[in-house]
């Protein structure tokens, strides 16, 4: 008899968890508190309690080829970075393709998840839900928590003396939807993550002046990288990941600084991070530097105090006549339906083995999916988590002892602090390629490069030096997909397809840059022989 699995939430993590359950022959039931799928990526004009909220203009920071699920490439005509509505369209296509909607109970809230009395032997859970005012309970063999971590706004008002005197409007970035209604205002955005930067840029097109306050500074990257390719298809390769792992830390940090300053000098713009050698998640924003050049946005230090109409900053400067304050200060997360003894969130951290499993349970039948912040796309990350989890539920993979798991968690946290720092916003941060390979190794889906070098050297080279995308984890192991190799070799075609919307006359395929290099080399040779002749 198939094991019954409760999946909590029908966002990205919930959808891929459903598919992985079905792939492994499990019997899933998904409980979604709203009326539709999509989670944080489904824009709604009004903010709803208990549900993630985004602004209308949100665009993905990771490209389509690096974000798609491993056996379901995005259509080639989709743009490389997707508006939230386009990404939701992809999720609907995914759900339809694999017939996932039939497993979802919409407008159903999970009230509690408790161990059954015989948990030590059965590993089962009693799940209590509510729908249309009616409570129901059911017993499940396992639970996958996919409720996300962008729901509870973090507004540290105690850190801003005088906020109670401020006469203007203030709110968390979660409340922001679009720039209408802010025309002519002087606006202060506190916090310089991706949301804060996006909102500041958008508001600066309507407001009289926008200020953005940052405590530590940040690196700012463009979505466009070498030769115009998406940044993550260039940054996330196994070769580059290997270099970052084997080179001395000082060299790696120097390389990162050089790379980040290639677009513009961050020190000149007042953006250089306070600790520039910590690999904090960069801000992806193509417009911010130009808005700073225009003077539409001004970077400020930490807010020291607020008055009725002004903001006083740590460096002693004052900005008068502030109309609006936007707190882009991140989120905290909690699991109100779980007992603290199961998964306790403390200081924006949870104690989970590989960010997934509580280590102290007698039976490994509870898992958190997507509770992580990789330096890359969350979608392939959550997928590999779900693929491993469902095989653990089936008994095909096993976890180490509690002591081993706890030791791993301690070492992992020490490494995280060393790489990313102690900031609350970095508690879920992890290296992208390393973590994907780690999960893939658990299920036997990591490509064997030594073997491929002999069997398929062309593919081996592409895997090592090309983008580390999700298709690579469908070449071998459980869930092998026959289209994986083709998807890897045709990804460039899908990247370029939406860009080539204008017909061009056939031109020489011989790059001008190579021609210039050859001419330059010839000039050097000629100069050398001329010098010999005259000497």
Protein backbone atom coordinates (compact mmCIF):
# COMPACT_ATOMS: atom_id res chain seq x y z
CA UNK A 1 0.00 0.00 0.00
CA UNK A 2 1.37 3.42 -0.99
CA UNK A 3 2.46 5.71 1.83
CA UNK A 4 0.28 8.77 2.37
CA UNK A 5 2.13 12.09 2.39
CA UNK A 6 0.75 15.48 3.47
CA UNK A 7 2.20 18.40 1.50
CA UNK A 8 1.61 21.80 3.14
CA UNK A 9 1.47 24.61 0.58
CA UNK A 10 1.02 24.71 -3.22
CA UNK A 11 3.73 27.18 -4.08
CA UNK A 12 6.89 26.22 -5.97
CA UNK A 13 8.13 23.81 -3.29
CA UNK A 14 4.69 22.27 -2.87
CA UNK A 15 4.21 21.65 -6.59
CA UNK A 16 7.57 19.96 -7.09
CA UNK A 17 7.04 17.94 -3.89
CA UNK A 18 3.75 16.66 -5.30
CA UNK A 19 5.45 15.58 -8.51
CA UNK A 20 8.28 13.85 -6.66
CA UNK A 21 5.76 11.99 -4.48
CA UNK A 22 3.92 10.77 -7.58
CA UNK A 23 7.20 9.81 -9.28
CA UNK A 24 8.09 7.63 -6.28
CA UNK A 25 4.67 5.99 -6.09
CA UNK A 26 3.61 7.81 -2.92
CA UNK A 27 0.07 9.09 -2.32
CA UNK A 28 0.20 12.86 -1.71
CA UNK A 29 -2.45 15.28 -0.50
CA UNK A 30 -1.62 18.97 -0.68
CA UNK A 31 -3.27 21.52 1.60
CA UNK A 32 -3.29 25.07 0.20
CA UNK A 33 -4.89 27.84 2.27
CA UNK A 34 -5.68 30.04 -0.76
CA UNK A 35 -7.71 29.41 -3.90
CA UNK A 36 -4.84 28.86 -6.35
CA UNK A 37 -1.28 27.64 -6.87
CA UNK A 38 1.87 29.74 -7.17
CA UNK A 39 2.59 30.89 -3.63
CA UNK A 40 4.73 34.02 -3.51
CA UNK A 41 4.77 34.28 -7.33
CA UNK A 42 1.03 34.86 -7.66
CA UNK A 43 0.50 38.60 -7.50
CA UNK A 44 -2.63 39.94 -5.82
CA UNK A 45 -3.57 43.58 -5.45
CA UNK A 46 -4.42 43.17 -1.78
CA UNK A 47 -2.19 41.84 1.00
CA UNK A 48 -3.59 38.74 2.70
CA UNK A 49 -2.68 37.47 6.17
CA UNK A 50 -0.72 34.26 6.14
CA UNK A 51 0.21 34.58 2.48
CA UNK A 52 3.38 35.86 0.80
CA UNK A 53 3.01 39.16 -1.04
CA UNK A 54 4.89 40.69 -3.99
CA UNK A 55 4.75 43.96 -5.89
CA UNK A 56 3.33 44.04 -9.41
CA UNK A 57 6.62 44.55 -11.25
CA UNK A 58 8.61 41.66 -9.71
CA UNK A 59 10.92 39.91 -12.18
CA UNK A 60 13.01 36.82 -11.44
CA UNK A 61 16.66 37.26 -10.51
CA UNK A 62 17.59 33.86 -11.93
CA UNK A 63 17.26 33.03 -15.61
CA UNK A 64 14.83 30.56 -17.14
CA UNK A 65 17.47 27.97 -18.10
CA UNK A 66 18.86 27.97 -14.57
CA UNK A 67 15.44 28.01 -12.91
CA UNK A 68 13.33 25.42 -14.70
CA UNK A 69 12.53 22.01 -13.30
CA UNK A 70 14.90 19.29 -14.44
CA UNK A 71 12.62 17.42 -16.84
CA UNK A 72 10.45 20.33 -17.96
CA UNK A 73 12.35 23.11 -19.79
CA UNK A 74 10.65 26.46 -20.16
CA UNK A 75 9.39 27.30 -23.68
CA UNK A 76 12.15 28.70 -25.85
CA UNK A 77 10.17 31.86 -26.60
CA UNK A 78 9.90 32.75 -22.88
CA UNK A 79 12.16 35.70 -21.95
CA UNK A 80 15.30 34.85 -20.00
CA UNK A 81 14.16 36.68 -16.87
CA UNK A 82 10.47 36.31 -16.21
CA UNK A 83 7.83 38.68 -14.95
CA UNK A 84 5.92 37.06 -12.08
CA UNK A 85 2.88 36.49 -14.31
CA UNK A 86 5.02 34.63 -16.86
CA UNK A 87 6.57 32.45 -14.18
CA UNK A 88 3.11 31.64 -12.85
CA UNK A 89 2.16 30.62 -16.38
CA UNK A 90 5.08 28.15 -16.35
CA UNK A 91 3.91 26.70 -13.03
CA UNK A 92 0.42 26.23 -14.46
CA UNK A 93 1.90 24.44 -17.48
CA UNK A 94 3.95 22.25 -15.12
CA UNK A 95 0.93 21.39 -12.96
CA UNK A 96 -1.14 20.56 -16.03
CA UNK A 97 1.59 18.46 -17.67
CA UNK A 98 1.96 16.23 -14.62
CA UNK A 99 -1.71 16.40 -13.57
CA UNK A 100 -0.96 17.77 -10.10
CA UNK A 101 -4.09 19.83 -9.38
CA UNK A 102 -6.11 16.73 -8.49
CA UNK A 103 -3.95 16.25 -5.39
CA UNK A 104 -4.56 19.79 -4.01
CA UNK A 105 -7.27 20.76 -1.53
CA UNK A 106 -7.64 24.53 -1.96
CA UNK A 107 -8.83 26.99 0.71
CA UNK A 108 -7.75 24.52 3.36
CA UNK A 109 -5.64 25.69 6.30
CA UNK A 110 -3.44 23.31 8.28
CA UNK A 111 -4.11 23.92 11.97
CA UNK A 112 -1.79 21.36 13.52
CA UNK A 113 0.61 18.54 12.75
CA UNK A 114 1.15 16.19 15.71
CA UNK A 115 2.88 12.87 16.23
CA UNK A 116 0.59 9.87 16.47
CA UNK A 117 0.78 7.98 19.81
CA UNK A 118 2.72 5.14 18.15
CA UNK A 119 5.09 7.50 16.28
CA UNK A 120 8.26 5.75 17.49
CA UNK A 121 7.22 2.68 15.54
CA UNK A 122 4.90 4.02 12.81
CA UNK A 123 6.38 7.47 12.12
CA UNK A 124 2.84 8.68 11.41
CA UNK A 125 1.35 12.15 11.88
CA UNK A 126 -2.11 13.43 12.69
CA UNK A 127 -2.87 16.47 10.52
CA UNK A 128 -5.79 18.72 11.47
CA UNK A 129 -7.14 21.06 8.77
CA UNK A 130 -9.91 23.60 8.41
CA UNK A 131 -11.97 24.37 5.31
CA UNK A 132 -15.14 26.44 5.11
CA UNK A 133 -15.21 26.62 8.91
CA UNK A 134 -15.16 22.84 9.28
CA UNK A 135 -12.29 20.97 10.94
CA UNK A 136 -11.08 17.59 9.74
CA UNK A 137 -8.24 15.31 10.75
CA UNK A 138 -6.37 12.58 8.93
CA UNK A 139 -3.35 10.36 9.55
CA UNK A 140 -0.37 10.54 7.20
CA UNK A 141 2.78 8.46 6.94
CA UNK A 142 4.92 11.54 6.26
CA UNK A 143 4.73 15.35 6.01
CA UNK A 144 6.46 17.81 3.67
CA UNK A 145 6.36 21.42 4.92
CA UNK A 146 6.37 23.75 1.89
CA UNK A 147 4.89 26.90 3.41
CA UNK A 148 7.76 29.26 2.51
CA UNK A 149 9.65 31.89 4.49
CA UNK A 150 8.43 35.22 3.08
CA UNK A 151 5.23 35.60 5.08
CA UNK A 152 5.96 37.24 8.45
CA UNK A 153 7.40 40.77 7.98
CA UNK A 154 10.37 41.72 10.14
CA UNK A 155 10.00 45.36 11.26
CA UNK A 156 12.51 46.17 14.04
CA UNK A 157 10.82 49.42 15.13
CA UNK A 158 12.79 49.47 18.40
CA UNK A 159 15.92 50.02 16.32
CA UNK A 160 14.49 53.33 15.06
CA UNK A 161 14.07 55.77 17.97
CA UNK A 162 11.46 58.41 17.25
CA UNK A 163 9.36 56.27 14.92
CA UNK A 164 6.38 56.88 17.21
CA UNK A 165 6.72 60.64 16.52
CA UNK A 166 6.99 60.31 12.76
CA UNK A 167 3.97 62.00 11.15
CA UNK A 168 4.35 60.49 7.71
CA UNK A 169 3.35 57.08 6.41
CA UNK A 170 5.45 53.99 7.09
CA UNK A 171 4.98 50.34 6.16
CA UNK A 172 6.85 47.11 5.39
CA UNK A 173 7.82 46.38 1.78
CA UNK A 174 5.32 43.50 1.90
CA UNK A 175 2.57 46.15 1.70
CA UNK A 176 4.03 47.78 -1.43
CA UNK A 177 2.30 46.97 -4.74
CA UNK A 178 3.05 49.76 -7.27
CA UNK A 179 4.32 53.38 -7.40
CA UNK A 180 0.91 54.98 -7.96
CA UNK A 181 0.02 57.46 -5.24
CA UNK A 182 3.60 58.33 -4.32
CA UNK A 183 4.01 61.14 -6.87
CA UNK A 184 6.03 64.08 -5.57
CA UNK A 185 6.88 62.42 -2.24
CA UNK A 186 10.23 62.31 -0.48
CA UNK A 187 10.68 58.65 0.37
CA UNK A 188 13.13 56.78 2.59
CA UNK A 189 13.64 53.07 1.91
CA UNK A 190 15.34 51.26 4.80
CA UNK A 191 17.14 48.10 3.74
CA UNK A 192 19.07 47.37 0.58
CA UNK A 193 18.26 43.83 -0.41
CA UNK A 194 16.68 42.96 -3.74
CA UNK A 195 13.20 44.13 -2.73
CA UNK A 196 14.41 47.39 -1.22
CA UNK A 197 16.48 48.21 -4.30
CA UNK A 198 13.65 47.31 -6.70
CA UNK A 199 11.16 49.45 -4.78
CA UNK A 200 13.56 52.39 -4.53
CA UNK A 201 14.21 52.31 -8.29
CA UNK A 202 10.52 52.07 -9.14
CA UNK A 203 9.48 54.82 -6.74
CA UNK A 204 12.25 57.12 -7.97
CA UNK A 205 10.44 57.44 -11.29
CA UNK A 206 7.44 59.05 -9.57
CA UNK A 207 8.76 60.50 -6.31
CA UNK A 208 10.44 63.87 -5.81
CA UNK A 209 13.40 62.14 -4.15
CA UNK A 210 14.21 58.67 -2.87
CA UNK A 211 16.79 57.85 -0.20
CA UNK A 212 17.93 54.31 0.50
CA UNK A 213 19.51 53.50 3.83
CA UNK A 214 21.95 50.61 4.12
CA UNK A 215 23.64 49.36 7.26
CA UNK A 216 26.50 47.48 5.63
CA UNK A 217 26.42 48.34 1.91
CA UNK A 218 26.08 45.74 -0.81
CA UNK A 219 27.44 44.49 -4.10
CA UNK A 220 25.14 45.27 -7.02
CA UNK A 221 25.14 43.07 -10.12
CA UNK A 222 23.44 43.29 -13.49
CA UNK A 223 21.38 40.41 -14.80
CA UNK A 224 23.47 40.74 -17.97
CA UNK A 225 26.90 39.11 -17.90
CA UNK A 226 29.66 38.22 -20.39
CA UNK A 227 28.61 38.61 -24.04
CA UNK A 228 25.11 39.50 -22.87
CA UNK A 229 24.33 36.08 -21.39
CA UNK A 230 22.34 35.81 -18.13
CA UNK A 231 24.58 36.26 -15.09
CA UNK A 232 23.84 32.90 -13.49
CA UNK A 233 24.59 30.90 -16.65
CA UNK A 234 28.11 32.38 -16.51
CA UNK A 235 28.65 32.46 -12.73
CA UNK A 236 27.33 29.01 -11.83
CA UNK A 237 29.62 26.53 -13.55
CA UNK A 238 31.40 23.61 -11.91
CA UNK A 239 34.74 24.98 -13.05
CA UNK A 240 34.19 28.34 -11.37
CA UNK A 241 32.76 26.66 -8.30
CA UNK A 242 35.87 24.47 -8.10
CA UNK A 243 38.13 27.53 -8.29
CA UNK A 244 36.22 29.22 -5.48
CA UNK A 245 36.65 26.08 -3.37
CA UNK A 246 40.35 25.31 -3.97
CA UNK A 247 41.95 28.74 -4.24
CA UNK A 248 43.05 30.49 -1.03
CA UNK A 249 40.22 32.50 0.49
CA UNK A 250 42.06 35.81 0.11
CA UNK A 251 42.45 35.22 -3.64
CA UNK A 252 38.81 34.21 -4.03
CA UNK A 253 37.64 37.31 -2.18
CA UNK A 254 39.92 39.51 -4.28
CA UNK A 255 38.53 37.89 -7.47
CA UNK A 256 34.96 38.52 -6.31
CA UNK A 257 35.73 42.15 -5.55
CA UNK A 258 37.26 42.63 -9.00
CA UNK A 259 34.28 40.95 -10.65
CA UNK A 260 31.74 43.03 -8.72
CA UNK A 261 33.54 46.30 -9.52
CA UNK A 262 33.82 45.50 -13.23
CA UNK A 263 30.44 47.09 -13.95
CA UNK A 264 31.03 50.18 -11.78
CA UNK A 265 33.19 51.14 -8.81
CA UNK A 266 31.03 50.53 -5.75
CA UNK A 267 33.13 52.79 -3.53
CA UNK A 268 32.42 55.77 -5.79
CA UNK A 269 28.69 55.13 -5.43
CA UNK A 270 28.73 54.71 -1.65
CA UNK A 271 27.71 51.07 -1.99
CA UNK A 272 30.88 49.15 -1.16
CA UNK A 273 30.05 46.56 1.53
CA UNK A 274 31.44 47.21 4.99
CA UNK A 275 32.90 43.72 4.99
CA UNK A 276 33.50 43.30 1.28
CA UNK A 277 35.08 39.90 1.72
CA UNK A 278 31.93 38.25 3.02
CA UNK A 279 30.05 36.50 0.20
CA UNK A 280 26.73 38.13 1.02
CA UNK A 281 24.02 37.65 -1.59
CA UNK A 282 24.43 40.50 -4.12
CA UNK A 283 21.61 42.73 -5.26
CA UNK A 284 20.49 42.05 -8.85
CA UNK A 285 19.36 45.36 -10.30
CA UNK A 286 20.02 46.71 -13.79
CA UNK A 287 18.72 50.22 -13.07
CA UNK A 288 20.04 51.19 -9.64
CA UNK A 289 23.44 52.62 -10.73
CA UNK A 290 21.83 54.82 -13.38
CA UNK A 291 19.22 56.11 -10.91
CA UNK A 292 22.09 57.03 -8.59
CA UNK A 293 23.81 58.85 -11.47
CA UNK A 294 20.61 60.78 -12.14
CA UNK A 295 20.39 61.75 -8.48
CA UNK A 296 16.91 60.24 -8.30
CA UNK A 297 18.17 57.96 -5.51
CA UNK A 298 20.70 58.86 -2.82
CA UNK A 299 22.47 56.26 -0.67
CA UNK A 300 22.48 56.96 3.07
CA UNK A 301 23.99 55.28 6.11
CA UNK A 302 22.07 53.66 8.99
CA UNK A 303 19.14 55.62 10.42
CA UNK A 304 20.06 56.82 13.93
CA UNK A 305 16.84 58.60 14.81
CA UNK A 306 13.56 59.81 13.36
CA UNK A 307 11.72 63.04 14.12
CA UNK A 308 8.24 64.15 13.11
CA UNK A 309 9.33 64.87 9.54
CA UNK A 310 13.02 64.02 9.18
CA UNK A 311 15.57 61.23 9.36
CA UNK A 312 18.90 61.59 11.18
CA UNK A 313 21.62 59.25 9.99
CA UNK A 314 24.61 57.67 11.73
CA UNK A 315 27.06 59.87 9.83
CA UNK A 316 25.38 63.01 11.22
CA UNK A 317 23.53 63.99 8.04
CA UNK A 318 19.83 64.86 8.13
CA UNK A 319 17.16 64.57 5.46
CA UNK A 320 14.15 66.80 6.01
CA UNK A 321 10.51 66.56 4.92
CA UNK A 322 10.32 62.77 4.64
CA UNK A 323 6.80 61.78 3.61
CA UNK A 324 7.06 57.98 3.48
CA UNK A 325 9.28 55.29 5.02
CA UNK A 326 9.40 51.81 3.49
CA UNK A 327 10.89 49.12 5.72
CA UNK A 328 12.53 46.60 3.37
CA UNK A 329 13.90 44.77 6.39
CA UNK A 330 13.17 41.19 5.43
CA UNK A 331 11.12 38.45 6.99
CA UNK A 332 11.05 36.05 9.90
CA UNK A 333 9.50 32.63 9.62
CA UNK A 334 7.57 30.30 11.86
CA UNK A 335 5.50 27.14 11.65
CA UNK A 336 2.43 27.74 13.82
CA UNK A 337 1.02 24.32 12.99
CA UNK A 338 4.13 22.54 14.36
CA UNK A 339 5.19 22.15 17.98
CA UNK A 340 8.40 24.00 18.87
CA UNK A 341 9.97 20.67 19.80
CA UNK A 342 9.73 19.64 16.14
CA UNK A 343 10.97 22.69 14.21
CA UNK A 344 11.73 25.77 16.27
CA UNK A 345 12.59 29.04 14.56
CA UNK A 346 14.97 31.09 16.72
CA UNK A 347 16.88 34.21 15.60
CA UNK A 348 15.69 33.48 12.08
CA UNK A 349 17.35 30.06 12.19
CA UNK A 350 16.07 26.51 12.38
CA UNK A 351 18.02 23.40 13.32
CA UNK A 352 17.62 21.11 10.32
CA UNK A 353 19.95 18.52 8.82
CA UNK A 354 21.00 19.84 5.42
CA UNK A 355 18.25 22.49 5.83
CA UNK A 356 15.61 19.74 5.55
CA UNK A 357 15.29 17.16 8.34
CA UNK A 358 14.85 17.65 12.12
CA UNK A 359 17.69 15.47 13.44
CA UNK A 360 16.07 14.26 16.67
CA UNK A 361 13.03 12.37 15.33
CA UNK A 362 12.83 8.60 15.86
CA UNK A 363 11.49 8.30 12.30
CA UNK A 364 12.56 10.60 9.43
CA UNK A 365 9.04 11.34 8.23
CA UNK A 366 8.97 15.14 8.51
CA UNK A 367 10.83 17.40 6.08
CA UNK A 368 11.00 21.12 5.22
CA UNK A 369 11.31 21.93 1.51
CA UNK A 370 12.56 25.28 0.19
CA UNK A 371 13.61 26.65 3.58
CA UNK A 372 16.92 27.77 2.14
CA UNK A 373 18.48 30.70 0.30
CA UNK A 374 21.00 29.43 -2.26
CA UNK A 375 23.25 31.75 -4.28
CA UNK A 376 21.21 30.64 -7.28
CA UNK A 377 17.73 29.53 -8.20
CA UNK A 378 15.50 28.08 -5.48
CA UNK A 379 13.51 25.96 -7.95
CA UNK A 380 16.11 23.26 -8.85
CA UNK A 381 17.24 23.36 -5.21
CA UNK A 382 13.78 22.58 -3.86
CA UNK A 383 13.37 19.90 -6.52
CA UNK A 384 16.50 18.00 -5.47
CA UNK A 385 15.47 18.35 -1.83
CA UNK A 386 12.08 16.82 -2.66
CA UNK A 387 13.62 14.02 -4.74
CA UNK A 388 15.84 13.02 -1.82
CA UNK A 389 13.10 13.39 0.80
CA UNK A 390 10.61 11.18 -1.02
CA UNK A 391 13.23 8.44 -1.34
CA UNK A 392 13.96 8.71 2.38
CA UNK A 393 10.21 8.35 3.03
CA UNK A 394 10.16 5.21 0.89
CA UNK A 395 13.12 3.73 2.73
CA UNK A 396 15.35 3.80 -0.37
CA UNK A 397 17.72 6.31 1.26
CA UNK A 398 18.60 6.56 4.92
CA UNK A 399 19.85 9.30 7.23
CA UNK A 400 22.90 9.01 9.49
CA UNK A 401 22.70 8.93 13.29
CA UNK A 402 21.39 11.92 15.23
CA UNK A 403 24.91 12.65 16.53
CA UNK A 404 26.32 12.68 12.98
CA UNK A 405 23.55 14.97 11.77
CA UNK A 406 24.04 17.42 14.65
CA UNK A 407 27.80 17.55 14.02
CA UNK A 408 27.15 18.22 10.33
CA UNK A 409 24.77 21.06 11.23
CA UNK A 410 27.38 22.67 13.53
CA UNK A 411 30.11 22.49 10.89
CA UNK A 412 27.76 23.72 8.18
CA UNK A 413 26.75 26.72 10.28
CA UNK A 414 30.39 27.59 11.04
CA UNK A 415 31.19 27.46 7.33
CA UNK A 416 28.13 29.58 6.52
CA UNK A 417 29.19 32.29 8.98
CA UNK A 418 32.72 32.24 7.58
CA UNK A 419 31.46 32.64 4.01
CA UNK A 420 28.36 34.79 4.39
CA UNK A 421 28.62 36.48 7.79
CA UNK A 422 26.25 36.62 10.77
CA UNK A 423 23.56 38.88 9.32
CA UNK A 424 19.98 37.73 9.93
CA UNK A 425 19.35 37.90 6.19
CA UNK A 426 22.05 35.29 5.57
CA UNK A 427 20.96 32.53 7.98
CA UNK A 428 19.64 30.32 5.16
CA UNK A 429 22.47 31.07 2.71
CA UNK A 430 24.42 28.28 1.04
CA UNK A 431 26.70 27.73 -1.93
CA UNK A 432 24.66 26.76 -4.97
CA UNK A 433 26.55 24.15 -7.02
CA UNK A 434 28.06 22.47 -3.94
CA UNK A 435 24.66 22.03 -2.33
CA UNK A 436 23.01 20.72 -5.50
CA UNK A 437 25.79 18.15 -5.95
CA UNK A 438 25.50 17.18 -2.29
CA UNK A 439 21.78 16.45 -2.63
CA UNK A 440 22.23 14.69 -5.97
CA UNK A 441 24.88 12.42 -4.44
CA UNK A 442 22.35 11.28 -1.84
CA UNK A 443 20.10 9.81 -4.56
CA UNK A 444 22.77 8.77 -7.07
CA UNK A 445 21.92 11.52 -9.56
CA UNK A 446 25.24 13.37 -9.62
CA UNK A 447 27.00 12.91 -12.99
CA UNK A 448 30.19 10.80 -12.92
CA UNK A 449 32.71 13.00 -14.73
CA UNK A 450 35.50 10.42 -14.87
CA UNK A 451 33.19 7.96 -16.58
CA UNK A 452 31.79 10.62 -18.92
CA UNK A 453 35.27 11.69 -20.03
CA UNK A 454 35.67 8.30 -21.67
CA UNK A 455 32.07 7.60 -22.70
CA UNK A 456 30.91 11.08 -23.74
CA UNK A 457 33.78 13.63 -23.52
CA UNK A 458 31.77 16.35 -25.27
CA UNK A 459 29.08 16.11 -22.60
CA UNK A 460 31.66 15.96 -19.81
CA UNK A 461 33.25 19.21 -21.00
CA UNK A 462 29.84 20.88 -21.25
CA UNK A 463 28.90 19.77 -17.75
CA UNK A 464 32.12 21.03 -16.21
CA UNK A 465 32.60 24.31 -18.02
CA UNK A 466 29.01 25.14 -18.99
CA UNK A 467 26.10 26.32 -16.83
CA UNK A 468 25.26 23.98 -13.94
CA UNK A 469 21.56 23.63 -14.67
CA UNK A 470 18.98 21.16 -13.42
CA UNK A 471 19.07 18.91 -16.49
CA UNK A 472 22.44 17.55 -15.33
CA UNK A 473 20.70 15.77 -12.47
CA UNK A 474 18.49 13.76 -14.83
CA UNK A 475 21.33 12.10 -16.77
CA UNK A 476 21.77 9.21 -14.33
CA UNK A 477 20.13 7.71 -11.29
CA UNK A 478 16.44 7.51 -10.33
CA UNK A 479 14.15 9.64 -12.44
CA UNK A 480 16.55 9.59 -15.38
CA UNK A 481 15.14 11.61 -18.29
CA UNK A 482 16.02 10.70 -21.85
CA UNK A 483 15.74 14.33 -22.95
CA UNK A 484 18.36 15.59 -20.45
CA UNK A 485 21.39 15.42 -22.77
CA UNK A 486 19.56 17.19 -25.57
CA UNK A 487 18.31 19.88 -23.17
CA UNK A 488 21.88 20.57 -22.06
CA UNK A 489 23.15 20.99 -25.63
CA UNK A 490 20.22 23.14 -26.77
CA UNK A 491 20.10 25.55 -23.83
CA UNK A 492 21.98 28.27 -25.74
CA UNK A 493 19.30 28.12 -28.43
CA UNK A 494 16.58 28.68 -25.81
CA UNK A 495 18.54 31.59 -24.29
CA UNK A 496 18.93 33.37 -27.62
CA UNK A 497 15.53 32.59 -29.15
CA UNK A 498 13.53 35.36 -27.36
CA UNK A 499 16.25 37.91 -28.16
CA UNK A 500 16.38 37.34 -31.90
CA UNK A 501 13.18 39.12 -32.85
CA UNK A 502 14.72 41.10 -35.72
CA UNK A 503 15.95 39.51 -38.93
CA UNK A 504 19.57 40.31 -39.74
CA UNK A 505 21.48 39.85 -42.96
CA UNK A 506 23.96 37.00 -42.90
CA UNK A 507 27.31 38.26 -41.73
CA UNK A 508 30.69 36.67 -41.40
CA UNK A 509 30.91 34.20 -38.55
CA UNK A 510 34.50 35.28 -38.00
CA UNK A 511 34.42 37.47 -34.84
CA UNK A 512 35.88 40.95 -35.22
CA UNK A 513 37.57 40.63 -31.83
CA UNK A 514 39.64 37.66 -33.06
CA UNK A 515 40.55 39.55 -36.22
CA UNK A 516 41.77 42.50 -34.15
CA UNK A 517 43.84 40.20 -31.96
CA UNK A 518 45.48 38.63 -35.03
CA UNK A 519 46.22 42.05 -36.53
CA UNK A 520 47.63 43.18 -33.20
CA UNK A 521 49.87 40.13 -33.02
CA UNK A 522 51.09 40.72 -36.58
CA UNK A 523 51.85 44.36 -35.69
CA UNK A 524 53.95 43.19 -32.72
CA UNK A 525 55.85 40.70 -34.93
CA UNK A 526 56.50 43.34 -37.62
CA UNK A 527 57.69 45.83 -35.00
CA UNK A 528 60.01 43.20 -33.53
CA UNK A 529 61.66 42.42 -36.89
CA UNK A 530 61.93 46.12 -37.75
CA UNK A 531 63.75 46.70 -34.48
CA UNK A 532 66.14 43.84 -35.29
CA UNK A 533 66.77 45.28 -38.75
CA UNK A 534 67.64 48.76 -37.48
CA UNK A 535 69.73 47.60 -34.53
